[in-house]
Structure formats: C-alpha cells, structure tokens
PDBML (XML) file of the C-alpha atoms, coordinates in Angstrom:
<?xml version="1.0" encoding="UTF-8" ?>
<PDBx:datablock datablockName="MODEL"
   xmlns:PDBx="http://pdbml.pdb.org/schema/pdbx-v50.xsd"
   xmlns:xsi="http://www.w3.org/2001/XMLSchema-instance"
   xsi:schemaLocation="http://pdbml.pdb.org/schema/pdbx-v50.xsd pdbx-v50.xsd">
   <PDBx:atom_siteCategory>
      <PDBx:atom_site id="1">
         <PDBx:B_iso_or_equiv>0.00</PDBx:B_iso_or_equiv>
         <PDBx:Cartn_x>-0.408</PDBx:Cartn_x>
         <PDBx:Cartn_y>-0.143</PDBx:Cartn_y>
         <PDBx:Cartn_z>-0.094</PDBx:Cartn_z>
         <PDBx:auth_asym_id>A</PDBx:auth_asym_id>
         <PDBx:auth_atom_id>CA</PDBx:auth_atom_id>
         <PDBx:auth_comp_id>GLY</PDBx:auth_comp_id>
         <PDBx:auth_seq_id>1</PDBx:auth_seq_id>
         <PDBx:group_PDB>ATOM</PDBx:group_PDB>
         <PDBx:label_alt_id xsi:nil="true" />
         <PDBx:label_asym_id>A</PDBx:label_asym_id>
         <PDBx:label_atom_id>CA</PDBx:label_atom_id>
         <PDBx:label_comp_id>GLY</PDBx:label_comp_id>
         <PDBx:label_entity_id>1</PDBx:label_entity_id>
         <PDBx:label_seq_id>1</PDBx:label_seq_id>
         <PDBx:occupancy>1.00</PDBx:occupancy>
         <PDBx:pdbx_PDB_model_num>1</PDBx:pdbx_PDB_model_num>
         <PDBx:type_symbol>C</PDBx:type_symbol>
      </PDBx:atom_site>
      <PDBx:atom_site id="2">
         <PDBx:B_iso_or_equiv>0.00</PDBx:B_iso_or_equiv>
         <PDBx:Cartn_x>0.567</PDBx:Cartn_x>
         <PDBx:Cartn_y>3.715</PDBx:Cartn_y>
         <PDBx:Cartn_z>0.151</PDBx:Cartn_z>
         <PDBx:auth_asym_id>A</PDBx:auth_asym_id>
         <PDBx:auth_atom_id>CA</PDBx:auth_atom_id>
         <PDBx:auth_comp_id>TYR</PDBx:auth_comp_id>
         <PDBx:auth_seq_id>2</PDBx:auth_seq_id>
         <PDBx:group_PDB>ATOM</PDBx:group_PDB>
         <PDBx:label_alt_id xsi:nil="true" />
         <PDBx:label_asym_id>A</PDBx:label_asym_id>
         <PDBx:label_atom_id>CA</PDBx:label_atom_id>
         <PDBx:label_comp_id>TYR</PDBx:label_comp_id>
         <PDBx:label_entity_id>1</PDBx:label_entity_id>
         <PDBx:label_seq_id>2</PDBx:label_seq_id>
         <PDBx:occupancy>1.00</PDBx:occupancy>
         <PDBx:pdbx_PDB_model_num>1</PDBx:pdbx_PDB_model_num>
         <PDBx:type_symbol>C</PDBx:type_symbol>
      </PDBx:atom_site>
      <PDBx:atom_site id="3">
         <PDBx:B_iso_or_equiv>0.00</PDBx:B_iso_or_equiv>
         <PDBx:Cartn_x>0.584</PDBx:Cartn_x>
         <PDBx:Cartn_y>6.170</PDBx:Cartn_y>
         <PDBx:Cartn_z>3.422</PDBx:Cartn_z>
         <PDBx:auth_asym_id>A</PDBx:auth_asym_id>
         <PDBx:auth_atom_id>CA</PDBx:auth_atom_id>
         <PDBx:auth_comp_id>GLU</PDBx:auth_comp_id>
         <PDBx:auth_seq_id>3</PDBx:auth_seq_id>
         <PDBx:group_PDB>ATOM</PDBx:group_PDB>
         <PDBx:label_alt_id xsi:nil="true" />
         <PDBx:label_asym_id>A</PDBx:label_asym_id>
         <PDBx:label_atom_id>CA</PDBx:label_atom_id>
         <PDBx:label_comp_id>GLU</PDBx:label_comp_id>
         <PDBx:label_entity_id>1</PDBx:label_entity_id>
         <PDBx:label_seq_id>3</PDBx:label_seq_id>
         <PDBx:occupancy>1.00</PDBx:occupancy>
         <PDBx:pdbx_PDB_model_num>1</PDBx:pdbx_PDB_model_num>
         <PDBx:type_symbol>C</PDBx:type_symbol>
      </PDBx:atom_site>
      <PDBx:atom_site id="4">
         <PDBx:B_iso_or_equiv>0.00</PDBx:B_iso_or_equiv>
         <PDBx:Cartn_x>-0.542</PDBx:Cartn_x>
         <PDBx:Cartn_y>9.751</PDBx:Cartn_y>
         <PDBx:Cartn_z>2.297</PDBx:Cartn_z>
         <PDBx:auth_asym_id>A</PDBx:auth_asym_id>
         <PDBx:auth_atom_id>CA</PDBx:auth_atom_id>
         <PDBx:auth_comp_id>ILE</PDBx:auth_comp_id>
         <PDBx:auth_seq_id>4</PDBx:auth_seq_id>
         <PDBx:group_PDB>ATOM</PDBx:group_PDB>
         <PDBx:label_alt_id xsi:nil="true" />
         <PDBx:label_asym_id>A</PDBx:label_asym_id>
         <PDBx:label_atom_id>CA</PDBx:label_atom_id>
         <PDBx:label_comp_id>ILE</PDBx:label_comp_id>
         <PDBx:label_entity_id>1</PDBx:label_entity_id>
         <PDBx:label_seq_id>4</PDBx:label_seq_id>
         <PDBx:occupancy>1.00</PDBx:occupancy>
         <PDBx:pdbx_PDB_model_num>1</PDBx:pdbx_PDB_model_num>
         <PDBx:type_symbol>C</PDBx:type_symbol>
      </PDBx:atom_site>
      <PDBx:atom_site id="5">
         <PDBx:B_iso_or_equiv>0.00</PDBx:B_iso_or_equiv>
         <PDBx:Cartn_x>1.293</PDBx:Cartn_x>
         <PDBx:Cartn_y>12.308</PDBx:Cartn_y>
         <PDBx:Cartn_z>5.144</PDBx:Cartn_z>
         <PDBx:auth_asym_id>A</PDBx:auth_asym_id>
         <PDBx:auth_atom_id>CA</PDBx:auth_atom_id>
         <PDBx:auth_comp_id>ASN</PDBx:auth_comp_id>
         <PDBx:auth_seq_id>5</PDBx:auth_seq_id>
         <PDBx:group_PDB>ATOM</PDBx:group_PDB>
         <PDBx:label_alt_id xsi:nil="true" />
         <PDBx:label_asym_id>A</PDBx:label_asym_id>
         <PDBx:label_atom_id>CA</PDBx:label_atom_id>
         <PDBx:label_comp_id>ASN</PDBx:label_comp_id>
         <PDBx:label_entity_id>1</PDBx:label_entity_id>
         <PDBx:label_seq_id>5</PDBx:label_seq_id>
         <PDBx:occupancy>1.00</PDBx:occupancy>
         <PDBx:pdbx_PDB_model_num>1</PDBx:pdbx_PDB_model_num>
         <PDBx:type_symbol>C</PDBx:type_symbol>
      </PDBx:atom_site>
      <PDBx:atom_site id="6">
         <PDBx:B_iso_or_equiv>0.00</PDBx:B_iso_or_equiv>
         <PDBx:Cartn_x>1.820</PDBx:Cartn_x>
         <PDBx:Cartn_y>9.341</PDBx:Cartn_y>
         <PDBx:Cartn_z>7.574</PDBx:Cartn_z>
         <PDBx:auth_asym_id>A</PDBx:auth_asym_id>
         <PDBx:auth_atom_id>CA</PDBx:auth_atom_id>
         <PDBx:auth_comp_id>ASN</PDBx:auth_comp_id>
         <PDBx:auth_seq_id>6</PDBx:auth_seq_id>
         <PDBx:group_PDB>ATOM</PDBx:group_PDB>
         <PDBx:label_alt_id xsi:nil="true" />
         <PDBx:label_asym_id>A</PDBx:label_asym_id>
         <PDBx:label_atom_id>CA</PDBx:label_atom_id>
         <PDBx:label_comp_id>ASN</PDBx:label_comp_id>
         <PDBx:label_entity_id>1</PDBx:label_entity_id>
         <PDBx:label_seq_id>6</PDBx:label_seq_id>
         <PDBx:occupancy>1.00</PDBx:occupancy>
         <PDBx:pdbx_PDB_model_num>1</PDBx:pdbx_PDB_model_num>
         <PDBx:type_symbol>C</PDBx:type_symbol>
      </PDBx:atom_site>
      <PDBx:atom_site id="7">
         <PDBx:B_iso_or_equiv>0.00</PDBx:B_iso_or_equiv>
         <PDBx:Cartn_x>-2.016</PDBx:Cartn_x>
         <PDBx:Cartn_y>9.865</PDBx:Cartn_y>
         <PDBx:Cartn_z>7.826</PDBx:Cartn_z>
         <PDBx:auth_asym_id>A</PDBx:auth_asym_id>
         <PDBx:auth_atom_id>CA</PDBx:auth_atom_id>
         <PDBx:auth_comp_id>ASN</PDBx:auth_comp_id>
         <PDBx:auth_seq_id>7</PDBx:auth_seq_id>
         <PDBx:group_PDB>ATOM</PDBx:group_PDB>
         <PDBx:label_alt_id xsi:nil="true" />
         <PDBx:label_asym_id>A</PDBx:label_asym_id>
         <PDBx:label_atom_id>CA</PDBx:label_atom_id>
         <PDBx:label_comp_id>ASN</PDBx:label_comp_id>
         <PDBx:label_entity_id>1</PDBx:label_entity_id>
         <PDBx:label_seq_id>7</PDBx:label_seq_id>
         <PDBx:occupancy>1.00</PDBx:occupancy>
         <PDBx:pdbx_PDB_model_num>1</PDBx:pdbx_PDB_model_num>
         <PDBx:type_symbol>C</PDBx:type_symbol>
      </PDBx:atom_site>
      <PDBx:atom_site id="8">
         <PDBx:B_iso_or_equiv>0.00</PDBx:B_iso_or_equiv>
         <PDBx:Cartn_x>-4.331</PDBx:Cartn_x>
         <PDBx:Cartn_y>8.109</PDBx:Cartn_y>
         <PDBx:Cartn_z>5.483</PDBx:Cartn_z>
         <PDBx:auth_asym_id>A</PDBx:auth_asym_id>
         <PDBx:auth_atom_id>CA</PDBx:auth_atom_id>
         <PDBx:auth_comp_id>PHE</PDBx:auth_comp_id>
         <PDBx:auth_seq_id>8</PDBx:auth_seq_id>
         <PDBx:group_PDB>ATOM</PDBx:group_PDB>
         <PDBx:label_alt_id xsi:nil="true" />
         <PDBx:label_asym_id>A</PDBx:label_asym_id>
         <PDBx:label_atom_id>CA</PDBx:label_atom_id>
         <PDBx:label_comp_id>PHE</PDBx:label_comp_id>
         <PDBx:label_entity_id>1</PDBx:label_entity_id>
         <PDBx:label_seq_id>8</PDBx:label_seq_id>
         <PDBx:occupancy>1.00</PDBx:occupancy>
         <PDBx:pdbx_PDB_model_num>1</PDBx:pdbx_PDB_model_num>
         <PDBx:type_symbol>C</PDBx:type_symbol>
      </PDBx:atom_site>
      <PDBx:atom_site id="9">
         <PDBx:B_iso_or_equiv>0.00</PDBx:B_iso_or_equiv>
         <PDBx:Cartn_x>-3.586</PDBx:Cartn_x>
         <PDBx:Cartn_y>4.828</PDBx:Cartn_y>
         <PDBx:Cartn_z>3.749</PDBx:Cartn_z>
         <PDBx:auth_asym_id>A</PDBx:auth_asym_id>
         <PDBx:auth_atom_id>CA</PDBx:auth_atom_id>
         <PDBx:auth_comp_id>SER</PDBx:auth_comp_id>
         <PDBx:auth_seq_id>9</PDBx:auth_seq_id>
         <PDBx:group_PDB>ATOM</PDBx:group_PDB>
         <PDBx:label_alt_id xsi:nil="true" />
         <PDBx:label_asym_id>A</PDBx:label_asym_id>
         <PDBx:label_atom_id>CA</PDBx:label_atom_id>
         <PDBx:label_comp_id>SER</PDBx:label_comp_id>
         <PDBx:label_entity_id>1</PDBx:label_entity_id>
         <PDBx:label_seq_id>9</PDBx:label_seq_id>
         <PDBx:occupancy>1.00</PDBx:occupancy>
         <PDBx:pdbx_PDB_model_num>1</PDBx:pdbx_PDB_model_num>
         <PDBx:type_symbol>C</PDBx:type_symbol>
      </PDBx:atom_site>
      <PDBx:atom_site id="10">
         <PDBx:B_iso_or_equiv>0.00</PDBx:B_iso_or_equiv>
         <PDBx:Cartn_x>-4.502</PDBx:Cartn_x>
         <PDBx:Cartn_y>2.846</PDBx:Cartn_y>
         <PDBx:Cartn_z>1.061</PDBx:Cartn_z>
         <PDBx:auth_asym_id>A</PDBx:auth_asym_id>
         <PDBx:auth_atom_id>CA</PDBx:auth_atom_id>
         <PDBx:auth_comp_id>ILE</PDBx:auth_comp_id>
         <PDBx:auth_seq_id>10</PDBx:auth_seq_id>
         <PDBx:group_PDB>ATOM</PDBx:group_PDB>
         <PDBx:label_alt_id xsi:nil="true" />
         <PDBx:label_asym_id>A</PDBx:label_asym_id>
         <PDBx:label_atom_id>CA</PDBx:label_atom_id>
         <PDBx:label_comp_id>ILE</PDBx:label_comp_id>
         <PDBx:label_entity_id>1</PDBx:label_entity_id>
         <PDBx:label_seq_id>10</PDBx:label_seq_id>
         <PDBx:occupancy>1.00</PDBx:occupancy>
         <PDBx:pdbx_PDB_model_num>1</PDBx:pdbx_PDB_model_num>
         <PDBx:type_symbol>C</PDBx:type_symbol>
      </PDBx:atom_site>
      <PDBx:atom_site id="11">
         <PDBx:B_iso_or_equiv>0.00</PDBx:B_iso_or_equiv>
         <PDBx:Cartn_x>-3.706</PDBx:Cartn_x>
         <PDBx:Cartn_y>-0.786</PDBx:Cartn_y>
         <PDBx:Cartn_z>0.514</PDBx:Cartn_z>
         <PDBx:auth_asym_id>A</PDBx:auth_asym_id>
         <PDBx:auth_atom_id>CA</PDBx:auth_atom_id>
         <PDBx:auth_comp_id>PHE</PDBx:auth_comp_id>
         <PDBx:auth_seq_id>11</PDBx:auth_seq_id>
         <PDBx:group_PDB>ATOM</PDBx:group_PDB>
         <PDBx:label_alt_id xsi:nil="true" />
         <PDBx:label_asym_id>A</PDBx:label_asym_id>
         <PDBx:label_atom_id>CA</PDBx:label_atom_id>
         <PDBx:label_comp_id>PHE</PDBx:label_comp_id>
         <PDBx:label_entity_id>1</PDBx:label_entity_id>
         <PDBx:label_seq_id>11</PDBx:label_seq_id>
         <PDBx:occupancy>1.00</PDBx:occupancy>
         <PDBx:pdbx_PDB_model_num>1</PDBx:pdbx_PDB_model_num>
         <PDBx:type_symbol>C</PDBx:type_symbol>
      </PDBx:atom_site>
      <PDBx:atom_site id="12">
         <PDBx:B_iso_or_equiv>0.00</PDBx:B_iso_or_equiv>
         <PDBx:Cartn_x>-4.506</PDBx:Cartn_x>
         <PDBx:Cartn_y>-4.098</PDBx:Cartn_y>
         <PDBx:Cartn_z>-1.190</PDBx:Cartn_z>
         <PDBx:auth_asym_id>A</PDBx:auth_asym_id>
         <PDBx:auth_atom_id>CA</PDBx:auth_atom_id>
         <PDBx:auth_comp_id>ALA</PDBx:auth_comp_id>
         <PDBx:auth_seq_id>12</PDBx:auth_seq_id>
         <PDBx:group_PDB>ATOM</PDBx:group_PDB>
         <PDBx:label_alt_id xsi:nil="true" />
         <PDBx:label_asym_id>A</PDBx:label_asym_id>
         <PDBx:label_atom_id>CA</PDBx:label_atom_id>
         <PDBx:label_comp_id>ALA</PDBx:label_comp_id>
         <PDBx:label_entity_id>1</PDBx:label_entity_id>
         <PDBx:label_seq_id>12</PDBx:label_seq_id>
         <PDBx:occupancy>1.00</PDBx:occupancy>
         <PDBx:pdbx_PDB_model_num>1</PDBx:pdbx_PDB_model_num>
         <PDBx:type_symbol>C</PDBx:type_symbol>
      </PDBx:atom_site>
      <PDBx:atom_site id="13">
         <PDBx:B_iso_or_equiv>0.00</PDBx:B_iso_or_equiv>
         <PDBx:Cartn_x>-4.351</PDBx:Cartn_x>
         <PDBx:Cartn_y>-7.541</PDBx:Cartn_y>
         <PDBx:Cartn_z>0.778</PDBx:Cartn_z>
         <PDBx:auth_asym_id>A</PDBx:auth_asym_id>
         <PDBx:auth_atom_id>CA</PDBx:auth_atom_id>
         <PDBx:auth_comp_id>HIS</PDBx:auth_comp_id>
         <PDBx:auth_seq_id>13</PDBx:auth_seq_id>
         <PDBx:group_PDB>ATOM</PDBx:group_PDB>
         <PDBx:label_alt_id xsi:nil="true" />
         <PDBx:label_asym_id>A</PDBx:label_asym_id>
         <PDBx:label_atom_id>CA</PDBx:label_atom_id>
         <PDBx:label_comp_id>HIS</PDBx:label_comp_id>
         <PDBx:label_entity_id>1</PDBx:label_entity_id>
         <PDBx:label_seq_id>13</PDBx:label_seq_id>
         <PDBx:occupancy>1.00</PDBx:occupancy>
         <PDBx:pdbx_PDB_model_num>1</PDBx:pdbx_PDB_model_num>
         <PDBx:type_symbol>C</PDBx:type_symbol>
      </PDBx:atom_site>
      <PDBx:atom_site id="14">
         <PDBx:B_iso_or_equiv>0.00</PDBx:B_iso_or_equiv>
         <PDBx:Cartn_x>-4.040</PDBx:Cartn_x>
         <PDBx:Cartn_y>-11.143</PDBx:Cartn_y>
         <PDBx:Cartn_z>0.351</PDBx:Cartn_z>
         <PDBx:auth_asym_id>A</PDBx:auth_asym_id>
         <PDBx:auth_atom_id>CA</PDBx:auth_atom_id>
         <PDBx:auth_comp_id>TYR</PDBx:auth_comp_id>
         <PDBx:auth_seq_id>14</PDBx:auth_seq_id>
         <PDBx:group_PDB>ATOM</PDBx:group_PDB>
         <PDBx:label_alt_id xsi:nil="true" />
         <PDBx:label_asym_id>A</PDBx:label_asym_id>
         <PDBx:label_atom_id>CA</PDBx:label_atom_id>
         <PDBx:label_comp_id>TYR</PDBx:label_comp_id>
         <PDBx:label_entity_id>1</PDBx:label_entity_id>
         <PDBx:label_seq_id>14</PDBx:label_seq_id>
         <PDBx:occupancy>1.00</PDBx:occupancy>
         <PDBx:pdbx_PDB_model_num>1</PDBx:pdbx_PDB_model_num>
         <PDBx:type_symbol>C</PDBx:type_symbol>
      </PDBx:atom_site>
      <PDBx:atom_site id="15">
         <PDBx:B_iso_or_equiv>0.00</PDBx:B_iso_or_equiv>
         <PDBx:Cartn_x>-4.412</PDBx:Cartn_x>
         <PDBx:Cartn_y>-14.102</PDBx:Cartn_y>
         <PDBx:Cartn_z>2.579</PDBx:Cartn_z>
         <PDBx:auth_asym_id>A</PDBx:auth_asym_id>
         <PDBx:auth_atom_id>CA</PDBx:auth_atom_id>
         <PDBx:auth_comp_id>GLU</PDBx:auth_comp_id>
         <PDBx:auth_seq_id>15</PDBx:auth_seq_id>
         <PDBx:group_PDB>ATOM</PDBx:group_PDB>
         <PDBx:label_alt_id xsi:nil="true" />
         <PDBx:label_asym_id>A</PDBx:label_asym_id>
         <PDBx:label_atom_id>CA</PDBx:label_atom_id>
         <PDBx:label_comp_id>GLU</PDBx:label_comp_id>
         <PDBx:label_entity_id>1</PDBx:label_entity_id>
         <PDBx:label_seq_id>15</PDBx:label_seq_id>
         <PDBx:occupancy>1.00</PDBx:occupancy>
         <PDBx:pdbx_PDB_model_num>1</PDBx:pdbx_PDB_model_num>
         <PDBx:type_symbol>C</PDBx:type_symbol>
      </PDBx:atom_site>
      <PDBx:atom_site id="16">
         <PDBx:B_iso_or_equiv>0.00</PDBx:B_iso_or_equiv>
         <PDBx:Cartn_x>-3.668</PDBx:Cartn_x>
         <PDBx:Cartn_y>-17.698</PDBx:Cartn_y>
         <PDBx:Cartn_z>2.022</PDBx:Cartn_z>
         <PDBx:auth_asym_id>A</PDBx:auth_asym_id>
         <PDBx:auth_atom_id>CA</PDBx:auth_atom_id>
         <PDBx:auth_comp_id>HIS</PDBx:auth_comp_id>
         <PDBx:auth_seq_id>16</PDBx:auth_seq_id>
         <PDBx:group_PDB>ATOM</PDBx:group_PDB>
         <PDBx:label_alt_id xsi:nil="true" />
         <PDBx:label_asym_id>A</PDBx:label_asym_id>
         <PDBx:label_atom_id>CA</PDBx:label_atom_id>
         <PDBx:label_comp_id>HIS</PDBx:label_comp_id>
         <PDBx:label_entity_id>1</PDBx:label_entity_id>
         <PDBx:label_seq_id>16</PDBx:label_seq_id>
         <PDBx:occupancy>1.00</PDBx:occupancy>
         <PDBx:pdbx_PDB_model_num>1</PDBx:pdbx_PDB_model_num>
         <PDBx:type_symbol>C</PDBx:type_symbol>
      </PDBx:atom_site>
      <PDBx:atom_site id="17">
         <PDBx:B_iso_or_equiv>0.00</PDBx:B_iso_or_equiv>
         <PDBx:Cartn_x>-5.337</PDBx:Cartn_x>
         <PDBx:Cartn_y>-20.053</PDBx:Cartn_y>
         <PDBx:Cartn_z>4.486</PDBx:Cartn_z>
         <PDBx:auth_asym_id>A</PDBx:auth_asym_id>
         <PDBx:auth_atom_id>CA</PDBx:auth_atom_id>
         <PDBx:auth_comp_id>GLY</PDBx:auth_comp_id>
         <PDBx:auth_seq_id>17</PDBx:auth_seq_id>
         <PDBx:group_PDB>ATOM</PDBx:group_PDB>
         <PDBx:label_alt_id xsi:nil="true" />
         <PDBx:label_asym_id>A</PDBx:label_asym_id>
         <PDBx:label_atom_id>CA</PDBx:label_atom_id>
         <PDBx:label_comp_id>GLY</PDBx:label_comp_id>
         <PDBx:label_entity_id>1</PDBx:label_entity_id>
         <PDBx:label_seq_id>17</PDBx:label_seq_id>
         <PDBx:occupancy>1.00</PDBx:occupancy>
         <PDBx:pdbx_PDB_model_num>1</PDBx:pdbx_PDB_model_num>
         <PDBx:type_symbol>C</PDBx:type_symbol>
      </PDBx:atom_site>
      <PDBx:atom_site id="18">
         <PDBx:B_iso_or_equiv>0.00</PDBx:B_iso_or_equiv>
         <PDBx:Cartn_x>-3.079</PDBx:Cartn_x>
         <PDBx:Cartn_y>-22.470</PDBx:Cartn_y>
         <PDBx:Cartn_z>5.522</PDBx:Cartn_z>
         <PDBx:auth_asym_id>A</PDBx:auth_asym_id>
         <PDBx:auth_atom_id>CA</PDBx:auth_atom_id>
         <PDBx:auth_comp_id>PHE</PDBx:auth_comp_id>
         <PDBx:auth_seq_id>18</PDBx:auth_seq_id>
         <PDBx:group_PDB>ATOM</PDBx:group_PDB>
         <PDBx:label_alt_id xsi:nil="true" />
         <PDBx:label_asym_id>A</PDBx:label_asym_id>
         <PDBx:label_atom_id>CA</PDBx:label_atom_id>
         <PDBx:label_comp_id>PHE</PDBx:label_comp_id>
         <PDBx:label_entity_id>1</PDBx:label_entity_id>
         <PDBx:label_seq_id>18</PDBx:label_seq_id>
         <PDBx:occupancy>1.00</PDBx:occupancy>
         <PDBx:pdbx_PDB_model_num>1</PDBx:pdbx_PDB_model_num>
         <PDBx:type_symbol>C</PDBx:type_symbol>
      </PDBx:atom_site>
      <PDBx:atom_site id="19">
         <PDBx:B_iso_or_equiv>0.00</PDBx:B_iso_or_equiv>
         <PDBx:Cartn_x>-5.370</PDBx:Cartn_x>
         <PDBx:Cartn_y>-24.566</PDBx:Cartn_y>
         <PDBx:Cartn_z>8.387</PDBx:Cartn_z>
         <PDBx:auth_asym_id>A</PDBx:auth_asym_id>
         <PDBx:auth_atom_id>CA</PDBx:auth_atom_id>
         <PDBx:auth_comp_id>VAL</PDBx:auth_comp_id>
         <PDBx:auth_seq_id>19</PDBx:auth_seq_id>
         <PDBx:group_PDB>ATOM</PDBx:group_PDB>
         <PDBx:label_alt_id xsi:nil="true" />
         <PDBx:label_asym_id>A</PDBx:label_asym_id>
         <PDBx:label_atom_id>CA</PDBx:label_atom_id>
         <PDBx:label_comp_id>VAL</PDBx:label_comp_id>
         <PDBx:label_entity_id>1</PDBx:label_entity_id>
         <PDBx:label_seq_id>19</PDBx:label_seq_id>
         <PDBx:occupancy>1.00</PDBx:occupancy>
         <PDBx:pdbx_PDB_model_num>1</PDBx:pdbx_PDB_model_num>
         <PDBx:type_symbol>C</PDBx:type_symbol>
      </PDBx:atom_site>
      <PDBx:atom_site id="20">
         <PDBx:B_iso_or_equiv>0.00</PDBx:B_iso_or_equiv>
         <PDBx:Cartn_x>-7.870</PDBx:Cartn_x>
         <PDBx:Cartn_y>-26.403</PDBx:Cartn_y>
         <PDBx:Cartn_z>7.464</PDBx:Cartn_z>
         <PDBx:auth_asym_id>A</PDBx:auth_asym_id>
         <PDBx:auth_atom_id>CA</PDBx:auth_atom_id>
         <PDBx:auth_comp_id>ASN</PDBx:auth_comp_id>
         <PDBx:auth_seq_id>20</PDBx:auth_seq_id>
         <PDBx:group_PDB>ATOM</PDBx:group_PDB>
         <PDBx:label_alt_id xsi:nil="true" />
         <PDBx:label_asym_id>A</PDBx:label_asym_id>
         <PDBx:label_atom_id>CA</PDBx:label_atom_id>
         <PDBx:label_comp_id>ASN</PDBx:label_comp_id>
         <PDBx:label_entity_id>1</PDBx:label_entity_id>
         <PDBx:label_seq_id>20</PDBx:label_seq_id>
         <PDBx:occupancy>1.00</PDBx:occupancy>
         <PDBx:pdbx_PDB_model_num>1</PDBx:pdbx_PDB_model_num>
         <PDBx:type_symbol>C</PDBx:type_symbol>
      </PDBx:atom_site>
      <PDBx:atom_site id="21">
         <PDBx:B_iso_or_equiv>0.00</PDBx:B_iso_or_equiv>
         <PDBx:Cartn_x>-11.526</PDBx:Cartn_x>
         <PDBx:Cartn_y>-24.886</PDBx:Cartn_y>
         <PDBx:Cartn_z>8.157</PDBx:Cartn_z>
         <PDBx:auth_asym_id>A</PDBx:auth_asym_id>
         <PDBx:auth_atom_id>CA</PDBx:auth_atom_id>
         <PDBx:auth_comp_id>ARG</PDBx:auth_comp_id>
         <PDBx:auth_seq_id>21</PDBx:auth_seq_id>
         <PDBx:group_PDB>ATOM</PDBx:group_PDB>
         <PDBx:label_alt_id xsi:nil="true" />
         <PDBx:label_asym_id>A</PDBx:label_asym_id>
         <PDBx:label_atom_id>CA</PDBx:label_atom_id>
         <PDBx:label_comp_id>ARG</PDBx:label_comp_id>
         <PDBx:label_entity_id>1</PDBx:label_entity_id>
         <PDBx:label_seq_id>21</PDBx:label_seq_id>
         <PDBx:occupancy>1.00</PDBx:occupancy>
         <PDBx:pdbx_PDB_model_num>1</PDBx:pdbx_PDB_model_num>
         <PDBx:type_symbol>C</PDBx:type_symbol>
      </PDBx:atom_site>
      <PDBx:atom_site id="22">
         <PDBx:B_iso_or_equiv>0.00</PDBx:B_iso_or_equiv>
         <PDBx:Cartn_x>-12.964</PDBx:Cartn_x>
         <PDBx:Cartn_y>-28.812</PDBx:Cartn_y>
         <PDBx:Cartn_z>8.702</PDBx:Cartn_z>
         <PDBx:auth_asym_id>A</PDBx:auth_asym_id>
         <PDBx:auth_atom_id>CA</PDBx:auth_atom_id>
         <PDBx:auth_comp_id>SER</PDBx:auth_comp_id>
         <PDBx:auth_seq_id>22</PDBx:auth_seq_id>
         <PDBx:group_PDB>ATOM</PDBx:group_PDB>
         <PDBx:label_alt_id xsi:nil="true" />
         <PDBx:label_asym_id>A</PDBx:label_asym_id>
         <PDBx:label_atom_id>CA</PDBx:label_atom_id>
         <PDBx:label_comp_id>SER</PDBx:label_comp_id>
         <PDBx:label_entity_id>1</PDBx:label_entity_id>
         <PDBx:label_seq_id>22</PDBx:label_seq_id>
         <PDBx:occupancy>1.00</PDBx:occupancy>
         <PDBx:pdbx_PDB_model_num>1</PDBx:pdbx_PDB_model_num>
         <PDBx:type_symbol>C</PDBx:type_symbol>
      </PDBx:atom_site>
      <PDBx:atom_site id="23">
         <PDBx:B_iso_or_equiv>0.00</PDBx:B_iso_or_equiv>
         <PDBx:Cartn_x>-12.824</PDBx:Cartn_x>
         <PDBx:Cartn_y>-30.824</PDBx:Cartn_y>
         <PDBx:Cartn_z>11.618</PDBx:Cartn_z>
         <PDBx:auth_asym_id>A</PDBx:auth_asym_id>
         <PDBx:auth_atom_id>CA</PDBx:auth_atom_id>
         <PDBx:auth_comp_id>ASN</PDBx:auth_comp_id>
         <PDBx:auth_seq_id>23</PDBx:auth_seq_id>
         <PDBx:group_PDB>ATOM</PDBx:group_PDB>
         <PDBx:label_alt_id xsi:nil="true" />
         <PDBx:label_asym_id>A</PDBx:label_asym_id>
         <PDBx:label_atom_id>CA</PDBx:label_atom_id>
         <PDBx:label_comp_id>ASN</PDBx:label_comp_id>
         <PDBx:label_entity_id>1</PDBx:label_entity_id>
         <PDBx:label_seq_id>23</PDBx:label_seq_id>
         <PDBx:occupancy>1.00</PDBx:occupancy>
         <PDBx:pdbx_PDB_model_num>1</PDBx:pdbx_PDB_model_num>
         <PDBx:type_symbol>C</PDBx:type_symbol>
      </PDBx:atom_site>
      <PDBx:atom_site id="24">
         <PDBx:B_iso_or_equiv>0.00</PDBx:B_iso_or_equiv>
         <PDBx:Cartn_x>-14.613</PDBx:Cartn_x>
         <PDBx:Cartn_y>-33.735</PDBx:Cartn_y>
         <PDBx:Cartn_z>10.553</PDBx:Cartn_z>
         <PDBx:auth_asym_id>A</PDBx:auth_asym_id>
         <PDBx:auth_atom_id>CA</PDBx:auth_atom_id>
         <PDBx:auth_comp_id>ALA</PDBx:auth_comp_id>
         <PDBx:auth_seq_id>24</PDBx:auth_seq_id>
         <PDBx:group_PDB>ATOM</PDBx:group_PDB>
         <PDBx:label_alt_id xsi:nil="true" />
         <PDBx:label_asym_id>A</PDBx:label_asym_id>
         <PDBx:label_atom_id>CA</PDBx:label_atom_id>
         <PDBx:label_comp_id>ALA</PDBx:label_comp_id>
         <PDBx:label_entity_id>1</PDBx:label_entity_id>
         <PDBx:label_seq_id>24</PDBx:label_seq_id>
         <PDBx:occupancy>1.00</PDBx:occupancy>
         <PDBx:pdbx_PDB_model_num>1</PDBx:pdbx_PDB_model_num>
         <PDBx:type_symbol>C</PDBx:type_symbol>
      </PDBx:atom_site>
   </PDBx:atom_siteCategory>
</PDBx:datablock>
C-alpha cells in the first residue's frame, strides 16, 4: 500500500489459508 503524510493509507491485501476449516 501507500501512506499519505503518515495519516491516510490505501492498501491491497491477500490472505492464503494454511489451516483446514473442517474438523470432520
């Protein structure tokens, strides 16, 4: 991302899961 004057920011984010959501 990009911060503007150490105040506002805009950022792209990505999450990659590596723990199974199912317990069955």
